Protein backbone atom coordinates (compact mmCIF):
# COMPACT_ATOMS: atom_id res chain seq x y z
CA MET A 1 0.00 0.00 0.01
CA GLU A 2 1.38 3.40 -0.99
CA ASN A 3 1.88 6.10 1.64
CA MET A 4 -0.79 8.29 0.01
CA ASN A 5 -3.28 5.42 0.43
CA TYR A 6 -2.51 5.42 4.15
CA VAL A 7 -3.15 9.16 4.25
CA GLU A 8 -6.39 8.83 2.33
CA THR A 9 -7.63 5.99 4.54
CA VAL A 10 -6.99 7.86 7.77
CA GLU A 11 -8.28 11.21 6.48
CA ASN A 12 -11.48 9.49 5.30
CA LEU A 13 -11.84 7.97 8.79
CA VAL A 14 -11.43 11.35 10.47
CA ASP A 15 -13.86 13.02 8.02
CA SER A 16 -16.41 10.23 8.58
CA ILE A 17 -16.19 10.62 12.38
CA LYS A 18 -16.81 14.35 11.97
CA GLY A 19 -19.68 13.57 9.60
CA ILE A 20 -21.37 11.34 12.18
CA LEU A 21 -21.09 14.05 14.82
CA THR A 22 -22.32 16.79 12.46
CA SER A 23 -25.36 14.70 11.49
CA ALA A 24 -26.16 14.43 15.19
CA GLY A 25 -25.94 18.19 15.61
CA LEU A 26 -22.55 18.11 17.35
CA GLY A 27 -20.50 19.88 14.70
CA GLY A 28 -18.67 22.82 16.27
CA GLU A 29 -19.79 21.87 19.77
CA ALA A 30 -17.31 22.13 22.64
CA GLY A 31 -16.87 18.36 22.95
CA GLU A 32 -16.50 17.62 19.24
CA TYR A 33 -12.70 17.55 19.27
CA LYS A 34 -12.75 15.09 22.20
CA LEU A 35 -15.12 12.76 20.37
CA VAL A 36 -13.02 12.96 17.18
CA THR A 37 -9.58 12.58 18.75
CA GLN A 38 -10.56 9.97 21.33
CA SER A 39 -12.49 7.87 18.81
CA PHE A 40 -9.52 7.94 16.45
CA LEU A 41 -7.13 7.10 19.28
CA TYR A 42 -9.32 4.14 20.32
CA LYS A 43 -9.08 2.83 16.75
CA PHE A 44 -5.30 3.41 16.61
CA LEU A 45 -4.59 1.67 19.92
CA ASN A 46 -6.93 -1.24 19.09
CA ASP A 47 -5.28 -1.90 15.73
CA LYS A 48 -1.78 -1.31 17.07
CA PHE A 49 -2.46 -3.95 19.75
CA LEU A 50 -3.63 -6.46 17.12
CA TYR A 51 -0.59 -5.62 14.98
CA GLU A 52 1.87 -6.17 17.84
CA ALA A 53 0.07 -9.35 18.93
CA LYS A 54 0.43 -10.79 15.41
CA LYS A 55 4.10 -9.81 15.34
CA TYR A 56 4.56 -11.74 18.57
CA ASP A 57 2.72 -14.80 17.23
CA SER A 58 1.52 -14.97 13.60
CA GLN A 59 -1.56 -16.96 14.72
CA ASN A 60 -2.84 -14.05 16.80
CA ASP A 61 -5.68 -12.75 14.72
CA TYR A 62 -8.81 -11.54 16.56
CA GLN A 63 -10.50 -14.93 16.67
CA HIS A 64 -7.39 -16.73 17.93
CA LEU A 65 -6.99 -14.16 20.72
CA MET A 66 -10.62 -14.70 21.70
CA ASP A 67 -10.03 -18.46 21.88
CA LEU A 68 -7.01 -18.20 24.18
CA SER A 69 -7.33 -19.03 27.85
CA ASP A 70 -7.31 -16.08 30.23
CA ASP A 71 -3.77 -16.95 31.33
CA ASP A 72 -2.47 -17.24 27.75
CA TYR A 73 -4.13 -13.94 26.77
CA GLU A 74 -2.57 -12.21 29.79
CA MET A 75 0.82 -13.70 28.91
CA THR A 76 0.48 -12.41 25.32
CA GLN A 77 -0.42 -8.98 26.65
CA LEU A 78 2.57 -8.92 29.00
CA SER A 79 4.91 -10.02 26.20
CA LEU A 80 4.03 -6.95 24.13
CA GLY A 81 5.39 -4.61 26.83
CA THR A 82 5.06 -0.89 26.15
CA ASP A 83 4.84 -1.42 22.37
CA SER A 84 1.10 -1.71 22.85
CA ALA A 85 -1.63 -0.50 25.14
CA VAL A 86 -3.18 -3.03 27.51
CA ILE A 87 -6.60 -3.93 26.08
CA GLN A 88 -8.91 -6.52 27.50
CA ARG A 89 -10.68 -8.78 25.03
CA LYS A 90 -14.08 -7.38 25.99
CA ASP A 91 -12.86 -3.89 25.03
CA LEU A 92 -11.60 -4.67 21.52
CA ILE A 93 -13.51 -2.86 18.76
CA GLU A 94 -14.77 -6.08 17.15
CA THR A 95 -16.11 -7.30 20.51
CA ILE A 96 -17.96 -4.02 21.08
CA TYR A 97 -19.22 -4.12 17.48
CA ASN A 98 -20.85 -7.49 18.17
CA GLN A 99 -22.86 -5.93 21.04
CA GLN A 100 -24.29 -2.95 19.19
CA ASN A 101 -27.90 -4.23 19.41
CA VAL A 102 -27.97 -4.19 23.22
CA ASP A 103 -29.88 -1.47 25.06
CA ASP A 104 -27.87 1.50 26.34
CA PHE A 105 -25.10 0.73 23.86
CA SER A 106 -23.44 4.10 24.50
CA GLU A 107 -22.66 2.88 28.01
CA VAL A 108 -20.94 -0.20 26.57
CA PHE A 109 -18.86 2.07 24.31
CA ASP A 110 -17.98 4.40 27.20
CA SER A 111 -17.14 1.46 29.45
CA ALA A 112 -14.61 0.10 26.94
CA LEU A 113 -12.76 3.43 26.75
CA ASN A 114 -12.90 3.78 30.51
CA ASP A 115 -11.33 0.32 30.95
CA ILE A 116 -8.51 1.15 28.56
CA ALA A 117 -7.83 4.43 30.37
CA LEU A 118 -7.66 2.70 33.77
CA ASP A 119 -5.62 -0.28 32.54
CA ASN A 120 -3.03 2.08 31.01
CA ASN A 121 -3.07 4.82 33.61
CA ASP A 122 0.62 4.47 34.51
CA LEU A 123 1.73 4.77 30.88
CA PHE A 124 -0.66 7.29 29.36
CA SER A 125 -1.76 9.69 32.12
CA VAL A 126 -0.74 13.35 31.93
CA GLU A 127 0.12 15.17 35.14
CA THR A 128 -1.08 18.64 36.11
CA ALA A 129 1.02 21.17 38.00
CA GLY A 130 -1.15 20.32 41.00
CA ASN A 131 -0.12 16.64 40.74
CA THR A 132 -3.48 15.44 39.44
CA GLN A 133 -3.54 12.67 36.81
CA VAL A 134 -5.41 13.39 33.55
CA ARG A 135 -6.68 10.12 32.05
CA LEU A 136 -6.22 8.93 28.46
CA PHE A 137 -9.99 8.75 27.78
CA ASP A 138 -12.89 10.52 29.46
CA ALA A 139 -14.72 8.26 31.92
CA HIS A 140 -18.02 8.96 30.12
CA LEU A 141 -17.01 10.25 26.66
CA ILE A 142 -20.44 9.83 25.00
CA ALA A 143 -22.55 10.67 28.05
CA ASP A 144 -20.62 13.83 28.94
CA ASN A 145 -20.34 15.26 25.42
CA ILE A 146 -23.75 14.43 23.93
CA GLN A 147 -26.40 16.26 25.92
CA ASP A 148 -29.33 14.82 23.95
CA GLY A 149 -29.82 11.41 25.56
CA SER A 150 -31.81 10.15 22.57
CA GLN A 151 -28.75 10.62 20.35
CA ARG A 152 -26.19 8.80 22.48
CA ASP A 153 -26.84 5.20 21.44
CA HIS A 154 -27.20 6.22 17.78
CA VAL A 155 -23.88 8.10 17.73
CA ALA A 156 -22.10 5.27 19.59
CA ARG A 157 -23.43 2.66 17.15
CA GLU A 158 -22.45 4.72 14.10
CA LEU A 159 -18.95 5.27 15.55
CA ILE A 160 -18.35 1.58 16.31
CA LYS A 161 -19.61 0.56 12.83
CA LEU A 162 -17.16 3.03 11.27
CA LEU A 163 -14.23 1.99 13.45
CA ALA A 164 -14.87 -1.70 12.77
CA SER A 165 -15.30 -1.29 9.00
CA THR A 166 -12.20 0.88 8.45
CA LYS A 167 -9.27 -1.38 7.74
CA PHE A 168 -5.70 -0.23 8.27
CA ASP A 169 -3.07 -2.22 6.41
CA ASN A 170 -0.88 -3.59 9.21
CA SER A 171 2.23 -2.00 7.70
CA ILE A 172 0.76 1.42 8.47
CA PHE A 173 2.40 1.04 11.88
CA ASP A 174 5.81 0.81 10.23
CA GLU A 175 5.38 4.31 8.87
CA GLY A 176 7.55 7.07 10.30
CA PHE A 177 7.18 10.56 11.62
CA ASP A 178 6.29 12.36 8.38
CA PHE A 179 3.22 10.23 7.88
CA PHE A 180 1.84 10.60 11.38
CA SER A 181 2.68 14.31 11.62
CA THR A 182 0.63 14.82 8.44
CA ILE A 183 -2.27 12.85 9.89
CA PHE A 184 -2.09 14.63 13.24
CA GLU A 185 -2.10 18.04 11.58
CA TYR A 186 -5.11 17.06 9.47
CA MET A 187 -7.02 15.64 12.40
CA ILE A 188 -6.67 18.68 14.67
CA GLN A 189 -6.84 21.43 12.07
CA ASP A 190 -10.25 22.56 13.33
CA TYR A 191 -9.36 22.30 17.01
CA ASN A 192 -6.00 23.99 17.41
CA LYS A 193 -6.67 27.55 16.26
CA ASN A 194 -6.54 30.87 18.01
CA GLY A 195 -9.81 30.95 19.88
CA GLY A 196 -9.13 34.18 21.69
CA GLY A 197 -9.39 34.43 25.44
CA ASN A 198 -6.59 34.35 27.99
CA TYR A 199 -4.68 31.41 26.58
CA ALA A 200 -5.05 31.43 22.82
CA GLU A 201 -3.24 28.50 21.25
CA TYR A 202 -1.10 29.10 18.19
CA TYR A 203 -0.22 26.18 16.01
CA THR A 204 3.41 26.26 14.87
CA PRO A 205 3.44 25.39 11.12
CA ARG A 206 5.19 22.14 10.36
CA THR A 207 7.53 23.90 7.90
CA ILE A 208 8.75 26.31 10.59
CA SER A 209 9.12 23.48 13.08
CA LYS A 210 11.23 21.50 10.60
CA ILE A 211 13.47 24.50 9.92
CA ILE A 212 14.05 25.05 13.65
CA ALA A 213 14.77 21.35 14.27
CA ASP A 214 17.14 20.98 11.33
CA ILE A 215 19.12 24.10 12.23
CA LEU A 216 19.20 23.40 15.96
CA ILE A 217 20.49 19.84 15.59
CA GLY A 218 22.61 20.60 12.51
CA LYS A 219 25.32 18.01 11.96
CA ALA A 220 25.29 16.80 15.57
CA LYS A 221 24.32 13.22 16.44
CA PRO A 222 23.11 13.49 20.03
CA GLU A 223 22.11 10.50 22.13
CA ASN A 224 20.36 10.14 25.45
CA VAL A 225 19.36 13.81 25.57
CA LYS A 226 16.52 15.78 27.13
CA VAL A 227 14.35 17.92 24.83
CA TYR A 228 12.04 20.50 26.40
CA ASP A 229 9.33 22.97 25.39
CA PRO A 230 7.91 25.15 28.19
CA ALA A 231 4.95 26.27 26.05
CA ALA A 232 4.46 23.10 24.05
CA GLY A 233 0.96 23.49 22.62
CA SER A 234 0.18 20.32 20.67
CA GLY A 235 3.87 19.51 20.37
CA THR A 236 4.78 20.17 16.73
CA LEU A 237 8.17 21.61 17.64
CA LEU A 238 8.97 18.79 20.05
CA MET A 239 7.98 16.10 17.54
CA ASN A 240 10.22 17.57 14.83
CA VAL A 241 13.24 17.80 17.13
CA ALA A 242 12.64 14.30 18.57
CA ASN A 243 12.33 12.87 15.08
CA ARG A 244 15.47 14.69 13.96
CA ILE A 245 17.43 13.21 16.90
CA GLY A 246 15.68 9.82 16.90
CA VAL A 247 12.79 8.97 19.22
CA ASP A 248 14.86 6.24 20.86
CA LYS A 249 17.71 8.67 21.61
CA CYS A 250 15.84 11.38 23.45
CA THR A 251 13.31 12.00 26.22
CA VAL A 252 10.73 14.70 25.74
CA TYR A 253 9.62 17.14 28.47
CA SER A 254 6.85 19.71 28.22
CA GLN A 255 4.52 22.01 30.06
CA ASP A 256 1.54 24.03 28.84
CA ILE A 257 -1.26 25.73 30.69
CA SER A 258 -3.90 24.45 28.26
CA GLN A 259 -5.64 21.16 29.02
CA LYS A 260 -6.64 20.78 25.37
CA SER A 261 -3.05 21.28 24.19
CA SER A 262 -1.73 18.74 26.69
CA ASN A 263 -4.25 16.15 25.52
CA LEU A 264 -3.35 16.77 21.88
CA LEU A 265 0.35 16.53 22.74
CA ARG A 266 -0.27 13.16 24.39
CA LEU A 267 -1.97 11.96 21.19
CA ASN A 268 0.98 13.25 19.17
CA LEU A 269 3.45 11.35 21.36
CA ILE A 270 1.46 8.12 21.06
CA LEU A 271 1.32 8.38 17.28
CA ASN A 272 5.05 9.03 17.06
CA ASN A 273 6.37 6.22 19.29
CA LEU A 274 7.19 8.55 22.17
CA SER A 275 4.85 7.01 24.75
CA HIS A 276 7.84 6.65 27.07
CA SER A 277 7.79 10.45 27.49
CA ILE A 278 4.09 10.89 28.28
CA HIS A 279 4.72 11.02 32.02
CA ASN A 280 6.85 14.13 31.36
CA ILE A 281 3.86 16.09 29.97
CA VAL A 282 2.61 18.59 32.52
CA GLN A 283 -0.49 20.72 32.31
CA GLY A 284 0.03 23.95 34.25
CA ASN A 285 1.50 27.45 34.41
CA THR A 286 5.18 27.07 33.50
CA ILE A 287 6.25 30.44 34.89
CA LEU A 288 4.54 30.20 38.29
CA ASN A 289 4.88 26.45 38.81
CA ASN A 290 7.70 24.99 36.76
CA LYS A 291 7.53 21.19 37.12
CA HIS A 292 10.76 20.56 35.20
CA PRO A 293 13.56 22.13 37.23
CA GLU A 294 16.15 19.76 35.71
CA LYS A 295 18.51 21.31 33.14
CA MET A 296 17.88 20.46 29.48
CA ASP A 297 20.08 19.62 26.49
CA TYR A 298 17.77 21.12 23.86
CA ILE A 299 14.93 23.58 24.22
CA VAL A 300 12.53 24.68 21.49
CA SER A 301 9.60 27.01 21.95
CA ASN A 302 7.05 29.19 20.26
CA PRO A 303 5.91 31.04 23.40
CA PRO A 304 2.83 33.26 23.54
CA PHE A 305 3.66 36.81 22.45
CA LYS A 306 0.72 38.92 23.66
CA LEU A 307 -1.13 37.77 26.69
CA ASP A 308 -2.75 39.38 29.71
CA PHE A 309 -1.04 37.87 32.74
CA SER A 310 -1.71 40.84 35.02
CA ASP A 311 -3.65 38.59 37.43
CA TRP A 312 -0.48 36.73 38.37
CA ARG A 313 2.31 39.06 37.25
CA ASP A 314 3.26 40.10 40.80
CA GLN A 315 3.49 36.45 41.91
CA VAL A 316 6.46 35.96 39.57
CA GLU A 317 8.56 38.17 41.87
CA SER A 318 8.00 35.77 44.77
CA ILE A 319 9.20 32.68 42.90
CA PRO A 320 12.40 31.23 44.48
CA ASN A 321 15.47 32.63 42.64
CA SER A 322 13.19 34.96 40.67
CA SER A 323 15.83 37.65 40.29
CA GLU A 324 18.32 35.07 39.03
CA ILE A 325 15.91 33.53 36.50
CA TYR A 326 14.41 36.81 35.31
CA PHE A 327 17.66 38.74 35.23
CA ALA A 328 16.40 41.20 32.59
CA GLY A 329 13.20 41.98 34.50
CA ILE A 330 9.50 41.15 34.61
CA PRO A 331 7.24 42.96 32.10
CA LYS A 332 5.23 45.77 33.66
CA ILE A 333 1.45 45.98 33.40
CA PRO A 334 0.58 48.56 30.70
CA ASN A 335 -2.11 51.17 31.32
CA LYS A 336 -4.00 49.99 28.24
CA LYS A 337 -4.21 46.79 26.21
CA LYS A 338 -3.18 44.29 28.85
CA ASN A 339 -3.37 41.60 26.17
CA SER A 340 -0.25 43.17 24.62
CA MET A 341 1.90 42.22 27.62
CA ALA A 342 5.19 40.76 26.39
CA ILE A 343 4.97 37.40 28.14
CA TYR A 344 7.51 35.94 25.70
CA GLU A 345 10.17 37.90 27.60
CA LEU A 346 9.50 35.69 30.65
CA PHE A 347 9.74 32.52 28.55
CA ILE A 348 13.05 33.48 26.92
CA GLN A 349 14.60 34.09 30.32
CA HIS A 350 13.11 30.84 31.65
CA ILE A 351 14.64 28.99 28.68
CA ILE A 352 18.07 30.49 29.23
CA HIS A 353 17.90 29.44 32.89
CA SER A 354 16.68 25.92 31.99
CA LEU A 355 19.58 25.01 29.67
CA ASN A 356 22.38 22.86 30.97
CA ASP A 357 26.03 23.86 30.53
CA LYS A 358 26.09 22.44 27.00
CA GLY A 359 22.51 23.31 26.09
CA LYS A 360 21.17 24.75 22.85
CA ALA A 361 17.87 26.45 22.13
CA GLY A 362 15.73 27.67 19.22
CA VAL A 363 13.03 30.17 20.15
CA VAL A 364 10.41 31.97 18.06
CA VAL A 365 10.25 35.70 18.88
CA PRO A 366 8.42 38.69 17.44
CA THR A 367 10.76 40.35 14.93
CA GLY A 368 10.62 43.57 16.95
CA PHE A 369 12.67 41.77 19.60
CA LEU A 370 15.70 41.88 17.27
CA THR A 371 16.09 45.67 17.31
CA ALA A 372 14.29 47.09 20.38
CA GLN A 373 16.61 49.68 21.89
CA SER A 374 15.30 49.68 25.43
CA GLY A 375 13.63 47.54 28.02
CA ILE A 376 13.76 43.81 28.66
CA ASP A 377 14.30 42.84 24.99
CA LYS A 378 17.51 44.85 24.82
CA LYS A 379 18.76 43.43 28.13
CA ILE A 380 18.18 39.84 26.97
CA ARG A 381 20.00 40.45 23.69
CA LYS A 382 22.86 42.07 25.57
CA PHE A 383 23.07 39.07 27.91
CA LEU A 384 23.18 36.62 24.98
CA VAL A 385 25.93 38.64 23.27
CA ASP A 386 28.02 39.45 26.33
CA ASN A 387 27.95 35.78 27.36
CA GLY A 388 28.86 34.62 23.86
CA MET A 389 25.67 32.53 23.55
CA ILE A 390 23.92 33.93 20.49
CA ASP A 391 24.62 31.70 17.49
CA LYS A 392 22.14 32.35 14.65
CA VAL A 393 19.14 34.57 13.95
CA VAL A 394 16.65 33.89 11.15
CA SER A 395 14.09 36.54 10.17
CA MET A 396 11.05 34.79 8.71
CA PRO A 397 8.61 36.07 6.05
CA SER A 398 5.55 37.96 7.24
CA ASN A 399 2.38 35.92 7.89
CA VAL A 400 4.06 32.52 8.17
CA PHE A 401 1.41 32.00 10.87
CA ALA A 402 -2.03 32.25 9.30
CA ASN A 403 -3.76 33.24 12.56
CA THR A 404 -1.51 36.08 13.65
CA GLY A 405 -0.11 39.04 11.73
CA THR A 406 2.92 39.35 13.99
CA ASN A 407 6.20 39.08 12.07
CA VAL A 408 8.41 36.46 13.63
CA SER A 409 12.05 35.49 13.76
CA VAL A 410 13.91 32.58 15.35
CA ILE A 411 16.92 33.06 17.62
CA PHE A 412 19.33 30.20 18.25
CA PHE A 413 21.65 30.26 21.22
CA ASN A 414 24.26 27.85 22.46
CA LYS A 415 25.95 27.72 25.86
CA VAL A 416 29.15 26.19 24.46
CA LYS A 417 29.83 28.30 21.40
CA GLN A 418 33.45 27.94 20.35
CA ASP A 419 33.79 31.21 18.42
CA ASP A 420 32.66 34.82 18.48
CA GLN A 421 30.83 34.62 15.14
CA VAL A 422 27.07 35.10 14.72
CA GLN A 423 25.13 34.26 11.58
CA LEU A 424 22.24 36.54 10.63
CA ILE A 425 19.80 35.32 7.96
CA ASP A 426 17.09 37.45 6.32
CA ALA A 427 14.54 35.03 4.87
CA SER A 428 11.77 37.64 4.89
CA LYS A 429 11.56 37.78 1.08
CA LEU A 430 11.06 34.05 0.61
CA GLY A 431 7.75 32.24 0.22
CA LYS A 432 4.51 32.60 -1.66
CA LYS A 433 1.34 34.33 -0.46
CA ILE A 434 -1.67 32.01 -0.24
CA LYS A 435 -5.17 32.14 1.21
CA GLU A 436 -6.01 29.60 3.90
CA ASN A 437 -9.37 29.50 5.66
CA GLY A 438 -9.98 33.06 4.53
CA LEU A 439 -6.68 34.30 5.95
CA GLN A 440 -3.52 35.18 4.06
CA ARG A 441 -0.29 33.49 4.99
CA THR A 442 3.12 32.93 3.44
CA ALA A 443 3.91 29.36 2.42
CA LEU A 444 7.54 28.28 2.15
CA SER A 445 8.43 25.87 -0.65
CA VAL A 446 10.71 22.87 -0.29
CA GLU A 447 13.41 24.95 -2.03
CA ASP A 448 12.89 27.86 0.40
CA ILE A 449 13.24 25.54 3.40
CA LYS A 450 16.38 23.93 1.92
CA LYS A 451 17.94 27.35 1.29
CA ILE A 452 17.36 28.48 4.89
CA VAL A 453 18.57 25.22 6.46
CA ASP A 454 21.59 24.70 4.20
CA THR A 455 22.70 28.30 4.62
CA ALA A 456 22.49 28.01 8.41
CA VAL A 457 23.98 24.53 8.85
CA GLU A 458 26.82 25.16 6.40
CA ARG A 459 27.20 28.70 7.75
CA LYS A 460 27.30 30.26 4.30
CA ASP A 461 27.27 33.98 3.50
CA VAL A 462 24.85 34.71 0.64
CA ASP A 463 24.45 38.19 -0.86
CA ASP A 464 21.46 40.04 0.62
CA PHE A 465 20.40 36.84 2.44
CA SER A 466 22.91 35.92 5.12
CA ILE A 467 25.98 37.37 6.75
CA THR A 468 28.36 36.30 9.51
CA VAL A 469 29.41 39.02 11.93
CA SER A 470 31.42 39.13 15.10
CA LEU A 471 30.11 39.75 18.62
CA LYS A 472 32.02 43.03 18.53
CA ASP A 473 30.16 44.03 15.36
CA ILE A 474 26.87 43.41 17.14
CA LYS A 475 27.94 45.43 20.16
CA ASP A 476 28.97 48.29 17.83
CA LYS A 477 25.48 48.20 16.27
CA ASN A 478 23.89 48.58 19.70
CA TYR A 479 23.19 44.85 19.99
CA SER A 480 20.95 44.71 16.92
CA PHE A 481 20.16 41.22 15.56
CA SER A 482 18.72 42.51 12.26
CA ALA A 483 20.65 41.13 9.27
CA GLY A 484 19.79 44.12 7.08
CA GLN A 485 21.84 46.46 9.27
CA TYR A 486 24.99 44.46 8.53
CA PHE A 487 24.69 43.84 4.80
CA PRO A 488 27.36 45.85 2.93
CA VAL A 489 26.16 48.84 0.92
CA LYS A 490 26.71 48.12 -2.75
CA ILE A 491 27.79 50.86 -5.14
CA GLU A 492 27.48 49.98 -8.79
CA TYR A 493 30.34 51.32 -10.91
CA VAL A 494 29.84 51.86 -14.65
CA LYS A 495 32.83 52.50 -16.90
CA LEU A 496 32.20 55.50 -19.20
CA THR A 497 34.22 57.26 -21.87
CA GLN A 498 34.73 61.02 -21.53
CA ASP A 499 32.16 61.70 -24.27
CA GLU A 500 29.59 59.43 -22.56
CA PHE A 501 30.27 61.11 -19.21
CA GLU A 502 29.81 64.63 -20.69
CA GLU A 503 26.63 63.51 -22.48
CA ARG A 504 25.10 62.28 -19.23
CA ILE A 505 26.06 65.46 -17.35
CA GLN A 506 24.48 67.57 -20.12
CA LYS A 507 21.30 65.47 -19.91
CA TYR A 508 21.12 65.97 -16.13
CA GLN A 509 21.64 69.74 -16.58
CA ASN A 510 18.90 69.98 -19.21
CA ASN A 511 16.45 68.11 -16.98
CA LEU A 512 17.38 70.33 -14.04
CA ASN A 513 16.80 73.48 -16.12
CA LYS A 514 13.36 72.22 -17.10
CA LEU A 515 12.53 71.69 -13.43
CA TYR A 516 13.72 75.24 -12.60
CA VAL A 517 11.46 76.67 -15.32
CA GLN A 518 8.48 74.69 -14.09
CA GLY A 519 9.24 75.78 -10.52
CA ASN A 520 9.34 79.47 -11.50
CA LYS A 521 6.07 79.18 -13.36
CA LEU A 522 4.42 77.46 -10.42
CA GLU A 523 5.69 80.18 -8.05
CA LYS A 524 4.19 82.93 -10.25
CA ASP A 525 0.88 81.08 -10.53
CA ILE A 526 0.64 80.74 -6.75
CA GLN A 527 1.42 84.45 -6.23
CA GLY A 528 -1.28 85.36 -8.77
CA TYR A 529 -3.86 83.18 -7.00
CA LEU A 530 -3.01 84.81 -3.66
CA LYS A 531 -3.44 88.34 -5.12
CA ASN A 532 -6.88 87.49 -6.46
CA LEU A 533 -8.17 86.21 -3.12
CA ARG A 534 -10.88 88.47 -1.64
CA TYR A 535 -12.53 88.49 1.75
CA GLU A 536 -16.32 88.28 1.69
CA SER A 537 -18.50 88.66 4.83
């Protein structure tokens, strides 16, 4: 089966789940994304279990598993280890499908998901900052998200028919990151947008995430490293870095205040063979209650830029070692537009503090951060330069994020830089403008991405695109990180004969004389108009 057939099969499944919910009047409802993502995850875990069971013993199709003794089934389950979720025979999709004619079928459906959540609590639960465990599946998924009781059994039956009839080729589970990142992005496209409010979630485009991961890791071949995102969202940045390193060579850590984002990140980890890192996902306020005090090898982040945190701003000052962590200061509360508070300044300082002695980071910042000549932005840039940490800066095209008009750049810093050179890349002119969901954004082509990554990794200077400067150069330019301020001014020289030179000078003089004549005429006309003006009461 070709990769595109995998994509089509899974996208059709997701669309069909959404269709069932829309037909029941649930389209756009608050619980729709839970029903979509948890139904898909049920299907994925069910089929992954059957796939791993068959790998363990080629006889283990569904019927053979049902015929096993309880002890033999349990032994099979134990033999699969963490490659598969623990699923009781009564909770397999085909078993539930065979019960769809019973009364209160939605309770049977909910009970199966509840069993799987409880049986896999140690592996799949997400922790909150308050040390509460967030389960894999809702205890009453159908009951809690479908208010109309008359619809519950119908929706549950339609879902189980769909999940049972959709057939994944077993080799789908041999697919790698690119396949599942595509599916994940498709599945959550309606549920991971800026919804406004205090904690609007911004989805980091996969192209930007790939650029950051490829540049950050470069030619290195790290092993047994910790990768962290303190504002992880649904985890696109983390997945790209983990894939670039190798999911078996890194452990992922994250924290995000959004419950929805943490649940989506968990799904992303499961799809991408990173279940071993799920217990490192934390839902909570990173700044006030950092649950990952350990120092990290790699940090990536697209932190929130504009966010009203006035309700807890003063609490930051009382955090242990606050003055050490937030060395450049804590943003003040503005008189107007509290939602313009520069919370990213807290995250950048948190990231610097969270790196180990050999740590590296790639952080998305508003482009204004690169040149601000006062305040916290300037102090952070000065710290990165004076401590020899700043490594690369990439200015991205405008509107690379479809849901925010803020121009963004990416700063890369490294605690063990071996030289005093800094590469500045201006990629702002790359890309093509497209319309997406009624909004304009800039899409980077494969060639654009390759140009940015190759230029950065190979540390090449390209006319009007990239330049390497010294730390002293940056200090002399008042700590500016804008590539355009360092590009050399080009003067085009044209070789002329004496006759050609005199001809050009004569042409300039003639044009200038014409302008003088026109100017004199205009002056006389204006004076005439002024003389003819009369006052009338």
